[in-house]
Amino acid sequence: MPLDREVKSKLRDRVSLANKSNVEEVAAEVDAARATLPEDDKDYARLTGWLEDLEHVAGGKVIGRTGDPGAQPDGMG
């Protein structure tokens, strides 16, 4: 069964606002939600991608709107 729309929206917002100070907490929330889904569920794949994005955030990278994990904020190139 796919994730509830509200849960998915909340997680998406948390992932998009994640930073080094809260990335571990956000990743734990995403991982907990993913654990409730079968691996063949499209939301499972989506949450896996979000976890990959959060790994980049933890490493100091900025995920831009293009999803490019190598993007740097202006002036940090």
Protein backbone atom coordinates (compact mmCIF):
# COMPACT_ATOMS: atom_id res chain seq x y z
CA MET A 1 0.00 0.00 0.00
CA PRO A 2 1.50 3.38 -0.98
CA LEU A 3 2.28 6.04 1.56
CA ASP A 4 -0.49 8.30 2.74
CA ARG A 5 -0.44 11.56 0.78
CA GLU A 6 0.02 13.67 3.92
CA VAL A 7 2.93 11.55 5.14
CA LYS A 8 4.62 11.73 1.74
CA SER A 9 4.14 15.50 1.59
CA LYS A 10 5.56 15.98 5.10
CA LEU A 11 8.59 13.83 4.30
CA ARG A 12 9.17 15.61 0.99
CA ASP A 13 9.18 18.96 2.80
CA ARG A 14 11.55 17.65 5.48
CA VAL A 15 13.94 16.25 2.85
CA SER A 16 13.92 19.46 0.82
CA LEU A 17 14.76 21.53 3.93
CA ALA A 18 17.32 19.09 5.36
CA ASN A 19 20.70 20.46 6.38
CA LYS A 20 23.73 19.12 8.18
CA SER A 21 22.19 19.78 11.60
CA ASN A 22 19.06 17.67 11.02
CA VAL A 23 19.95 15.33 8.15
CA GLU A 24 20.31 12.26 10.37
CA GLU A 25 16.89 12.82 11.95
CA VAL A 26 15.25 13.33 8.54
CA ALA A 27 16.97 10.25 7.11
CA ALA A 28 15.69 8.18 10.04
CA GLU A 29 12.11 9.36 9.36
CA VAL A 30 12.40 8.52 5.67
CA ASP A 31 13.96 5.14 6.42
CA ALA A 32 11.19 4.31 8.92
CA ALA A 33 8.52 5.16 6.36
CA ARG A 34 10.33 3.15 3.67
CA ALA A 35 10.46 0.11 6.00
CA THR A 36 6.64 -0.03 5.90
CA LEU A 37 6.59 -0.48 2.11
CA PRO A 38 7.27 -3.46 -0.13
CA GLU A 39 10.39 -3.07 -2.29
CA ASP A 40 8.34 -3.09 -5.50
CA ASP A 41 6.24 -0.10 -4.40
CA LYS A 42 6.92 3.13 -6.32
CA ASP A 43 7.02 5.06 -3.04
CA TYR A 44 9.76 2.70 -1.81
CA ALA A 45 11.85 3.70 -4.83
CA ARG A 46 11.04 7.38 -4.26
CA LEU A 47 12.10 7.22 -0.61
CA THR A 48 15.28 5.38 -1.59
CA GLY A 49 16.12 8.32 -3.86
CA TRP A 50 15.43 10.75 -1.04
CA LEU A 51 17.79 8.78 1.22
CA GLU A 52 20.47 9.08 -1.46
CA ASP A 53 19.86 12.84 -1.60
CA LEU A 54 20.19 13.02 2.18
CA GLU A 55 23.52 11.20 2.00
CA HIS A 56 24.77 14.01 -0.23
CA VAL A 57 23.47 16.61 2.21
CA ALA A 58 25.28 14.84 5.05
CA GLY A 59 28.44 15.05 2.96
CA GLY A 60 28.07 18.81 2.57
CA LYS A 61 26.62 18.88 -0.94
CA VAL A 62 23.60 20.96 -1.88
CA ILE A 63 20.81 19.32 -3.82
CA GLY A 64 19.58 21.86 -6.36
CA ARG A 65 16.25 21.95 -8.07
CA THR A 66 17.77 19.91 -10.88
CA GLY A 67 18.62 17.19 -8.37
CA ASP A 68 22.32 17.60 -9.12
CA PRO A 69 24.10 16.35 -6.00
CA GLY A 70 27.26 18.20 -7.06
CA ALA A 71 25.67 21.63 -7.06
CA GLN A 72 27.15 24.26 -4.78
CA PRO A 73 25.41 27.36 -3.50
CA ASP A 74 26.28 30.62 -5.28
CA GLY A 75 29.72 31.83 -4.33
CA MET A 76 30.92 28.43 -3.15
CA GLY A 77 31.97 27.07 -6.56
